[in-house]
């Protein structure tokens, strides 16, 4: 159904090339988590769940996450990633 994955990243104003994408992805996740300012064990809904990376990150920060996506392929991959990270109690799809 969807053949491409797009990554949106957060870079500090004075960042210089070449960017390391993983560092930028962690920065956007940190920015999102800090912006939400949620209490520990808050429950969040992750729409457009994809393979669960943001949900996993948020769960490691103490949030409980429920993820949804319309693409079964992504849900299958997300469930595998959640299992690998041993976060089945904190993340569900």
PDB file of N, CA and C in Angstrom:
ATOM      1  N   UNK A   1       0.816  -1.184   0.000  1.00  0.00           N
ATOM      2  CA  UNK A   1       0.000   0.000   0.000  1.00  0.00           C
ATOM      3  C   UNK A   1       0.864   1.254   0.000  1.00  0.00           C
ATOM      4  N   UNK A   2       1.700   1.410   1.035  1.00  0.00           N
ATOM      5  CA  UNK A   2       2.616   2.535   1.084  1.00  0.00           C
ATOM      6  C   UNK A   2       4.027   2.004   0.855  1.00  0.00           C
ATOM      7  N   UNK A   3       4.743   2.606  -0.046  1.00  0.00           N
ATOM      8  CA  UNK A   3       6.059   2.073  -0.367  1.00  0.00           C
ATOM      9  C   UNK A   3       7.196   2.903   0.215  1.00  0.00           C
ATOM     10  N   UNK A   4       6.898   4.063   0.771  1.00  0.00           N
ATOM     11  CA  UNK A   4       7.963   4.907   1.288  1.00  0.00           C
ATOM     12  C   UNK A   4       7.695   5.283   2.730  1.00  0.00           C
ATOM     13  N   UNK A   5       8.752   5.447   3.486  1.00  0.00           N
ATOM     14  CA  UNK A   5       8.658   5.915   4.861  1.00  0.00           C
ATOM     15  C   UNK A   5       9.354   7.265   4.916  1.00  0.00           C
ATOM     16  N   UNK A   6       8.694   8.240   5.507  1.00  0.00           N
ATOM     17  CA  UNK A   6       9.260   9.569   5.633  1.00  0.00           C
ATOM     18  C   UNK A   6       9.666   9.813   7.075  1.00  0.00           C
ATOM     19  N   UNK A   7      10.814  10.398   7.269  1.00  0.00           N
ATOM     20  CA  UNK A   7      11.293  10.714   8.599  1.00  0.00           C
ATOM     21  C   UNK A   7      11.307  12.228   8.767  1.00  0.00           C
ATOM     22  N   UNK A   8      10.705  12.687   9.819  1.00  0.00           N
ATOM     23  CA  UNK A   8      10.712  14.104  10.160  1.00  0.00           C
ATOM     24  C   UNK A   8      11.624  14.249  11.363  1.00  0.00           C
ATOM     25  N   UNK A   9      12.536  15.163  11.290  1.00  0.00           N
ATOM     26  CA  UNK A   9      13.537  15.261  12.337  1.00  0.00           C
ATOM     27  C   UNK A   9      13.677  16.684  12.833  1.00  0.00           C
ATOM     28  N   UNK A  10      14.204  16.797  14.009  1.00  0.00           N
ATOM     29  CA  UNK A  10      14.421  18.079  14.663  1.00  0.00           C
ATOM     30  C   UNK A  10      15.921  18.331  14.734  1.00  0.00           C
ATOM     31  N   UNK A  11      16.340  19.473  14.198  1.00  0.00           N
ATOM     32  CA  UNK A  11      17.749  19.843  14.247  1.00  0.00           C
ATOM     33  C   UNK A  11      17.881  21.175  14.967  1.00  0.00           C
ATOM     34  N   UNK A  12      18.861  21.309  15.823  1.00  0.00           N
ATOM     35  CA  UNK A  12      19.093  22.617  16.452  1.00  0.00           C
ATOM     36  C   UNK A  12      19.370  23.672  15.382  1.00  0.00           C
ATOM     37  N   UNK A  13      19.085  24.918  15.687  1.00  0.00           N
ATOM     38  CA  UNK A  13      19.202  26.010  14.709  1.00  0.00           C
ATOM     39  C   UNK A  13      20.597  26.118  14.089  1.00  0.00           C
ATOM     40  N   UNK A  14      21.645  25.833  14.837  1.00  0.00           N
ATOM     41  CA  UNK A  14      23.008  25.999  14.329  1.00  0.00           C
ATOM     42  C   UNK A  14      23.643  24.686  13.883  1.00  0.00           C
ATOM     43  N   UNK A  15      22.840  23.664  13.631  1.00  0.00           N
ATOM     44  CA  UNK A  15      23.372  22.367  13.205  1.00  0.00           C
ATOM     45  C   UNK A  15      24.035  22.491  11.839  1.00  0.00           C
ATOM     46  N   UNK A  16      25.095  21.731  11.639  1.00  0.00           N
ATOM     47  CA  UNK A  16      25.822  21.745  10.374  1.00  0.00           C
ATOM     48  C   UNK A  16      25.746  20.372   9.726  1.00  0.00           C
ATOM     49  N   UNK A  17      25.848  20.321   8.418  1.00  0.00           N
ATOM     50  CA  UNK A  17      25.877  19.049   7.689  1.00  0.00           C
ATOM     51  C   UNK A  17      27.233  18.411   7.897  1.00  0.00           C
ATOM     52  N   UNK A  18      27.419  17.103   7.797  1.00  0.00           N
ATOM     53  CA  UNK A  18      26.382  16.120   7.526  1.00  0.00           C
ATOM     54  C   UNK A  18      25.653  15.714   8.797  1.00  0.00           C
ATOM     55  N   UNK A  19      24.351  15.598   8.701  1.00  0.00           N
ATOM     56  CA  UNK A  19      23.539  15.169   9.834  1.00  0.00           C
ATOM     57  C   UNK A  19      23.611  13.661   9.980  1.00  0.00           C
ATOM     58  N   UNK A  20      23.622  13.220  11.197  1.00  0.00           N
ATOM     59  CA  UNK A  20      23.457  11.800  11.471  1.00  0.00           C
ATOM     60  C   UNK A  20      21.986  11.617  11.786  1.00  0.00           C
ATOM     61  N   UNK A  21      21.255  10.882  10.970  1.00  0.00           N
ATOM     62  CA  UNK A  21      19.811  10.781  11.077  1.00  0.00           C
ATOM     63  C   UNK A  21      19.365  10.240  12.433  1.00  0.00           C
ATOM     64  N   UNK A  22      20.083   9.301  13.001  1.00  0.00           N
ATOM     65  CA  UNK A  22      19.658   8.727  14.272  1.00  0.00           C
ATOM     66  C   UNK A  22      19.685   9.775  15.375  1.00  0.00           C
ATOM     67  N   UNK A  23      20.683  10.633  15.355  1.00  0.00           N
ATOM     68  CA  UNK A  23      20.773  11.702  16.347  1.00  0.00           C
ATOM     69  C   UNK A  23      19.592  12.672  16.193  1.00  0.00           C
ATOM     70  N   UNK A  24      19.230  12.962  14.956  1.00  0.00           N
ATOM     71  CA  UNK A  24      18.098  13.852  14.700  1.00  0.00           C
ATOM     72  C   UNK A  24      16.787  13.211  15.143  1.00  0.00           C
ATOM     73  N   UNK A  25      16.641  11.922  14.904  1.00  0.00           N
ATOM     74  CA  UNK A  25      15.427  11.223  15.337  1.00  0.00           C
ATOM     75  C   UNK A  25      15.306  11.222  16.855  1.00  0.00           C
ATOM     76  N   UNK A  26      16.407  10.962  17.553  1.00  0.00           N
ATOM     77  CA  UNK A  26      16.367  10.998  19.022  1.00  0.00           C
ATOM     78  C   UNK A  26      16.035  12.407  19.509  1.00  0.00           C
ATOM     79  N   UNK A  27      16.545  13.413  18.820  1.00  0.00           N
ATOM     80  CA  UNK A  27      16.268  14.794  19.229  1.00  0.00           C
ATOM     81  C   UNK A  27      14.784  15.123  19.098  1.00  0.00           C
ATOM     82  N   UNK A  28      14.138  14.672  18.024  1.00  0.00           N
ATOM     83  CA  UNK A  28      12.709  14.950  17.866  1.00  0.00           C
ATOM     84  C   UNK A  28      11.902  14.189  18.905  1.00  0.00           C
ATOM     85  N   UNK A  29      12.316  12.973  19.226  1.00  0.00           N
ATOM     86  CA  UNK A  29      11.618  12.209  20.259  1.00  0.00           C
ATOM     87  C   UNK A  29      11.766  12.881  21.621  1.00  0.00           C
ATOM     88  N   UNK A  30      12.968  13.360  21.930  1.00  0.00           N
ATOM     89  CA  UNK A  30      13.180  14.103  23.172  1.00  0.00           C
ATOM     90  C   UNK A  30      12.322  15.368  23.202  1.00  0.00           C
ATOM     91  N   UNK A  31      12.314  16.083  22.100  1.00  0.00           N
ATOM     92  CA  UNK A  31      11.532  17.319  22.000  1.00  0.00           C
ATOM     93  C   UNK A  31      10.047  17.032  22.189  1.00  0.00           C
ATOM     94  N   UNK A  32       9.557  15.981  21.553  1.00  0.00           N
ATOM     95  CA  UNK A  32       8.152  15.599  21.688  1.00  0.00           C
ATOM     96  C   UNK A  32       7.835  15.224  23.131  1.00  0.00           C
ATOM     97  N   UNK A  33       8.649  14.370  23.722  1.00  0.00           N
ATOM     98  CA  UNK A  33       8.424  13.931  25.098  1.00  0.00           C
ATOM     99  C   UNK A  33       8.409  15.116  26.058  1.00  0.00           C
ATOM    100  N   UNK A  34       9.385  15.990  25.934  1.00  0.00           N
ATOM    101  CA  UNK A  34       9.468  17.156  26.826  1.00  0.00           C
ATOM    102  C   UNK A  34       8.313  18.124  26.597  1.00  0.00           C
ATOM    103  N   UNK A  35       7.882  18.274  25.353  1.00  0.00           N
ATOM    104  CA  UNK A  35       6.770  19.172  25.040  1.00  0.00           C
ATOM    105  C   UNK A  35       5.451  18.672  25.615  1.00  0.00           C
ATOM    106  N   UNK A  36       5.276  17.357  25.660  1.00  0.00           N
ATOM    107  CA  UNK A  36       4.036  16.794  26.188  1.00  0.00           C
ATOM    108  C   UNK A  36       3.902  17.035  27.691  1.00  0.00           C
ATOM    109  N   UNK A  37       5.031  17.018  28.395  1.00  0.00           N
ATOM    110  CA  UNK A  37       5.046  17.294  29.830  1.00  0.00           C
ATOM    111  C   UNK A  37       4.007  16.450  30.585  1.00  0.00           C
ATOM    112  N   UNK A  38       3.990  15.158  30.310  1.00  0.00           N
ATOM    113  CA  UNK A  38       3.034  14.243  30.940  1.00  0.00           C
ATOM    114  C   UNK A  38       3.612  13.628  32.200  1.00  0.00           C
ATOM    115  N   UNK A  39       2.723  13.264  33.113  1.00  0.00           N
ATOM    116  CA  UNK A  39       3.171  12.599  34.335  1.00  0.00           C
ATOM    117  C   UNK A  39       3.556  11.155  34.021  1.00  0.00           C
ATOM    118  N   UNK A  40       4.348  10.579  34.905  1.00  0.00           N
ATOM    119  CA  UNK A  40       4.766   9.186  34.733  1.00  0.00           C
ATOM    120  C   UNK A  40       3.545   8.290  34.651  1.00  0.00           C
ATOM    121  N   UNK A  41       3.608   7.304  33.823  1.00  0.00           N
ATOM    122  CA  UNK A  41       2.560   6.318  33.552  1.00  0.00           C
ATOM    123  C   UNK A  41       1.314   6.896  32.901  1.00  0.00           C
ATOM    124  N   UNK A  42       1.404   8.091  32.332  1.00  0.00           N
ATOM    125  CA  UNK A  42       0.285   8.637  31.556  1.00  0.00           C
ATOM    126  C   UNK A  42       0.044   7.730  30.351  1.00  0.00           C
ATOM    127  N   UNK A  43      -1.181   7.689  29.885  1.00  0.00           N
ATOM    128  CA  UNK A  43      -1.524   6.865  28.727  1.00  0.00           C
ATOM    129  C   UNK A  43      -1.639   7.777  27.510  1.00  0.00           C
ATOM    130  N   UNK A  44      -0.932   7.401  26.442  1.00  0.00           N
ATOM    131  CA  UNK A  44      -0.968   8.202  25.216  1.00  0.00           C
ATOM    132  C   UNK A  44      -1.387   7.336  24.031  1.00  0.00           C
ATOM    133  N   UNK A  45      -1.976   7.975  23.042  1.00  0.00           N
ATOM    134  CA  UNK A  45      -2.368   7.321  21.800  1.00  0.00           C
ATOM    135  C   UNK A  45      -1.393   7.742  20.723  1.00  0.00           C
ATOM    136  N   UNK A  46      -0.762   6.775  20.079  1.00  0.00           N
ATOM    137  CA  UNK A  46       0.184   7.021  18.995  1.00  0.00           C
ATOM    138  C   UNK A  46      -0.485   6.619  17.686  1.00  0.00           C
ATOM    139  N   UNK A  47      -0.983   7.601  16.937  1.00  0.00           N
ATOM    140  CA  UNK A  47      -1.610   7.315  15.645  1.00  0.00           C
ATOM    141  C   UNK A  47      -0.539   7.360  14.559  1.00  0.00           C
ATOM    142  N   UNK A  48      -0.742   6.595  13.503  1.00  0.00           N
ATOM    143  CA  UNK A  48       0.303   6.502  12.493  1.00  0.00           C
ATOM    144  C   UNK A  48       1.520   5.823  13.080  1.00  0.00           C
ATOM    145  N   UNK A  49       1.265   4.792  13.802  1.00  0.00           N
ATOM    146  CA  UNK A  49       2.176   4.043  14.652  1.00  0.00           C
ATOM    147  C   UNK A  49       3.428   3.531  13.953  1.00  0.00           C
ATOM    148  N   UNK A  50       3.260   3.164  12.686  1.00  0.00           N
ATOM    149  CA  UNK A  50       4.350   2.555  11.904  1.00  0.00           C
ATOM    150  C   UNK A  50       4.919   1.346  12.626  1.00  0.00           C
ATOM    151  N   UNK A  51       6.237   1.298  12.809  1.00  0.00           N
ATOM    152  CA  UNK A  51       6.855   0.114  13.418  1.00  0.00           C
ATOM    153  C   UNK A  51       7.103   0.283  14.915  1.00  0.00           C
ATOM    154  N   UNK A  52       6.533   1.316  15.504  1.00  0.00           N
ATOM    155  CA  UNK A  52       6.529   1.465  16.949  1.00  0.00           C
ATOM    156  C   UNK A  52       7.711   2.150  17.592  1.00  0.00           C
ATOM    157  N   UNK A  53       8.617   2.734  16.819  1.00  0.00           N
ATOM    158  CA  UNK A  53       9.821   3.303  17.421  1.00  0.00           C
ATOM    159  C   UNK A  53       9.526   4.431  18.405  1.00  0.00           C
ATOM    160  N   UNK A  54       8.627   5.334  18.049  1.00  0.00           N
ATOM    161  CA  UNK A  54       8.310   6.433  18.961  1.00  0.00           C
ATOM    162  C   UNK A  54       7.587   5.903  20.195  1.00  0.00           C
ATOM    163  N   UNK A  55       6.688   4.946  20.003  1.00  0.00           N
ATOM    164  CA  UNK A  55       5.982   4.337  21.136  1.00  0.00           C
ATOM    165  C   UNK A  55       6.969   3.662  22.083  1.00  0.00           C
ATOM    166  N   UNK A  56       7.934   2.965  21.542  1.00  0.00           N
ATOM    167  CA  UNK A  56       8.949   2.300  22.360  1.00  0.00           C
ATOM    168  C   UNK A  56       9.758   3.333  23.138  1.00  0.00           C
ATOM    169  N   UNK A  57      10.146   4.390  22.476  1.00  0.00           N
ATOM    170  CA  UNK A  57      10.900   5.453  23.132  1.00  0.00           C
ATOM    171  C   UNK A  57      10.096   6.042  24.289  1.00  0.00           C
ATOM    172  N   UNK A  58       8.824   6.347  24.031  1.00  0.00           N
ATOM    173  CA  UNK A  58       7.966   6.934  25.064  1.00  0.00           C
ATOM    174  C   UNK A  58       7.749   5.959  26.230  1.00  0.00           C
ATOM    175  N   UNK A  59       7.619   4.676  25.920  1.00  0.00           N
ATOM    176  CA  UNK A  59       7.450   3.668  26.976  1.00  0.00           C
ATOM    177  C   UNK A  59       8.695   3.589  27.845  1.00  0.00           C
ATOM    178  N   UNK A  60       9.856   3.700  27.238  1.00  0.00           N
ATOM    179  CA  UNK A  60      11.099   3.681  28.016  1.00  0.00           C
ATOM    180  C   UNK A  60      11.215   4.902  28.920  1.00  0.00           C
ATOM    181  N   UNK A  61      10.484   5.962  28.584  1.00  0.00           N
ATOM    182  CA  UNK A  61      10.452   7.172  29.414  1.00  0.00           C
ATOM    183  C   UNK A  61       9.378   7.082  30.492  1.00  0.00           C
ATOM    184  N   UNK A  62       8.642   5.957  30.535  1.00  0.00           N
ATOM    185  CA  UNK A  62       7.671   5.750  31.593  1.00  0.00           C
ATOM    186  C   UNK A  62       6.210   5.903  31.207  1.00  0.00           C
ATOM    187  N   UNK A  63       5.926   6.209  29.938  1.00  0.00           N
ATOM    188  CA  UNK A  63       4.542   6.364  29.507  1.00  0.00           C
ATOM    189  C   UNK A  63       3.963   5.025  29.070  1.00  0.00           C
ATOM    190  N   UNK A  64       2.653   4.898  29.136  1.00  0.00           N
ATOM    191  CA  UNK A  64       1.955   3.740  28.573  1.00  0.00           C
ATOM    192  C   UNK A  64       1.410   4.183  27.233  1.00  0.00           C
ATOM    193  N   UNK A  65       1.641   3.385  26.195  1.00  0.00           N
ATOM    194  CA  UNK A  65       1.317   3.795  24.835  1.00  0.00           C
ATOM    195  C   UNK A  65       0.395   2.790  24.163  1.00  0.00           C
ATOM    196  N   UNK A  66      -0.627   3.312  23.500  1.00  0.00           N
ATOM    197  CA  UNK A  66      -1.488   2.500  22.648  1.00  0.00           C
ATOM    198  C   UNK A  66      -1.295   3.015  21.234  1.00  0.00           C
ATOM    199  N   UNK A  67      -0.852   2.131  20.347  1.00  0.00           N
ATOM    200  CA  UNK A  67      -0.564   2.538  18.977  1.00  0.00           C
ATOM    201  C   UNK A  67      -1.576   1.987  17.986  1.00  0.00           C
ATOM    202  N   UNK A  68      -1.904   2.809  16.993  1.00  0.00           N
ATOM    203  CA  UNK A  68      -2.784   2.354  15.915  1.00  0.00           C
ATOM    204  C   UNK A  68      -2.177   2.727  14.568  1.00  0.00           C
ATOM    205  N   UNK A  69      -2.420   1.870  13.601  1.00  0.00           N
ATOM    206  CA  UNK A  69      -1.995   2.124  12.231  1.00  0.00           C
ATOM    207  C   UNK A  69      -2.933   1.353  11.315  1.00  0.00           C
ATOM    208  N   UNK A  70      -3.141   1.849  10.103  1.00  0.00           N
ATOM    209  CA  UNK A  70      -4.037   1.179   9.165  1.00  0.00           C
ATOM    210  C   UNK A  70      -3.330   0.115   8.339  1.00  0.00           C
ATOM    211  N   UNK A  71      -2.024   0.008   8.473  1.00  0.00           N
ATOM    212  CA  UNK A  71      -1.247  -0.933   7.684  1.00  0.00           C
ATOM    213  C   UNK A  71      -0.822  -2.111   8.567  1.00  0.00           C
ATOM    214  N   UNK A  72      -1.340  -3.288   8.287  1.00  0.00           N
ATOM    215  CA  UNK A  72      -1.030  -4.468   9.099  1.00  0.00           C
ATOM    216  C   UNK A  72       0.459  -4.795   9.129  1.00  0.00           C
ATOM    217  N   UNK A  73       1.145  -4.557   8.029  1.00  0.00           N
ATOM    218  CA  UNK A  73       2.586  -4.800   7.972  1.00  0.00           C
ATOM    219  C   UNK A  73       3.303  -4.055   9.102  1.00  0.00           C
ATOM    220  N   UNK A  74       2.944  -2.783   9.292  1.00  0.00           N
ATOM    221  CA  UNK A  74       3.576  -1.986  10.336  1.00  0.00           C
ATOM    222  C   UNK A  74       3.243  -2.518  11.726  1.00  0.00           C
ATOM    223  N   UNK A  75       2.007  -2.925  11.928  1.00  0.00           N
ATOM    224  CA  UNK A  75       1.613  -3.460  13.237  1.00  0.00           C
ATOM    225  C   UNK A  75       2.375  -4.735  13.569  1.00  0.00           C
ATOM    226  N   UNK A  76       2.568  -5.578  12.562  1.00  0.00           N
ATOM    227  CA  UNK A  76       3.339  -6.809  12.766  1.00  0.00           C
ATOM    228  C   UNK A  76       4.769  -6.478  13.172  1.00  0.00           C
ATOM    229  N   UNK A  77       5.380  -5.550  12.461  1.00  0.00           N
ATOM    230  CA  UNK A  77       6.754  -5.141  12.780  1.00  0.00           C
ATOM    231  C   UNK A  77       6.821  -4.470  14.152  1.00  0.00           C
ATOM    232  N   UNK A  78       5.834  -3.643  14.462  1.00  0.00           N
ATOM    233  CA  UNK A  78       5.799  -2.963  15.764  1.00  0.00           C
ATOM    234  C   UNK A  78       5.712  -3.974  16.893  1.00  0.00           C
ATOM    235  N   UNK A  79       4.838  -4.951  16.753  1.00  0.00           N
ATOM    236  CA  UNK A  79       4.704  -5.969  17.802  1.00  0.00           C
ATOM    237  C   UNK A  79       5.998  -6.746  17.996  1.00  0.00           C
ATOM    238  N   UNK A  80       6.699  -7.016  16.910  1.00  0.00           N
ATOM    239  CA  UNK A  80       8.000  -7.678  17.017  1.00  0.00           C
ATOM    240  C   UNK A  80       9.000  -6.791  17.767  1.00  0.00           C
ATOM    241  N   UNK A  81       9.027  -5.509  17.423  1.00  0.00           N
ATOM    242  CA  UNK A  81       9.957  -4.586  18.076  1.00  0.00           C
ATOM    243  C   UNK A  81       9.645  -4.427  19.564  1.00  0.00           C
ATOM    244  N   UNK A  82       8.371  -4.382  19.889  1.00  0.00           N
ATOM    245  CA  UNK A  82       7.959  -4.264  21.292  1.00  0.00           C
ATOM    246  C   UNK A  82       8.394  -5.496  22.079  1.00  0.00           C
ATOM    247  N   UNK A  83       8.232  -6.655  21.474  1.00  0.00           N
ATOM    248  CA  UNK A  83       8.638  -7.900  22.129  1.00  0.00           C
ATOM    249  C   UNK A  83      10.149  -7.925  22.357  1.00  0.00           C
ATOM    250  N   UNK A  84      10.910  -7.526  21.352  1.00  0.00           N
ATOM    251  CA  UNK A  84      12.374  -7.498  21.465  1.00  0.00           C
ATOM    252  C   UNK A  84      12.806  -6.573  22.602  1.00  0.00           C
ATOM    253  N   UNK A  85      12.112  -5.450  22.754  1.00  0.00           N
ATOM    254  CA  UNK A  85      12.447  -4.479  23.797  1.00  0.00           C
ATOM    255  C   UNK A  85      11.836  -4.826  25.155  1.00  0.00           C
ATOM    256  N   UNK A  86      11.072  -5.925  25.207  1.00  0.00           N
ATOM    257  CA  UNK A  86      10.428  -6.374  26.437  1.00  0.00           C
ATOM    258  C   UNK A  86       9.530  -5.290  27.042  1.00  0.00           C
ATOM    259  N   UNK A  87       8.670  -4.719  26.190  1.00  0.00           N
ATOM    260  CA  UNK A  87       7.797  -3.618  26.623  1.00  0.00           C
ATOM    261  C   UNK A  87       6.313  -3.950  26.414  1.00  0.00           C
ATOM    262  N   UNK A  88       5.958  -5.215  26.380  1.00  0.00           N
ATOM    263  CA  UNK A  88       4.569  -5.586  26.122  1.00  0.00           C
ATOM    264  C   UNK A  88       3.592  -5.072  27.187  1.00  0.00           C
ATOM    265  N   UNK A  89       4.077  -4.806  28.383  1.00  0.00           N
ATOM    266  CA  UNK A  89       3.216  -4.254  29.440  1.00  0.00           C
ATOM    267  C   UNK A  89       2.964  -2.757  29.240  1.00  0.00           C
ATOM    268  N   UNK A  90       3.893  -2.066  28.589  1.00  0.00           N
ATOM    269  CA  UNK A  90       3.793  -0.628  28.430  1.00  0.00           C
ATOM    270  C   UNK A  90       3.236  -0.189  27.076  1.00  0.00           C
ATOM    271  N   UNK A  91       3.354  -1.052  26.047  1.00  0.00           N
ATOM    272  CA  UNK A  91       2.941  -0.672  24.697  1.00  0.00           C
ATOM    273  C   UNK A  91       2.012  -1.732  24.140  1.00  0.00           C
ATOM    274  N   UNK A  92       0.911  -1.297  23.563  1.00  0.00           N
ATOM    275  CA  UNK A  92       0.000  -2.233  22.904  1.00  0.00           C
ATOM    276  C   UNK A  92      -0.493  -1.628  21.612  1.00  0.00           C
ATOM    277  N   UNK A  93      -0.837  -2.518  20.688  1.00  0.00           N
ATOM    278  CA  UNK A  93      -1.304  -2.063  19.375  1.00  0.00           C
ATOM    279  C   UNK A  93      -2.655  -2.680  19.075  1.00  0.00           C
TER     280      UNK A  93
END
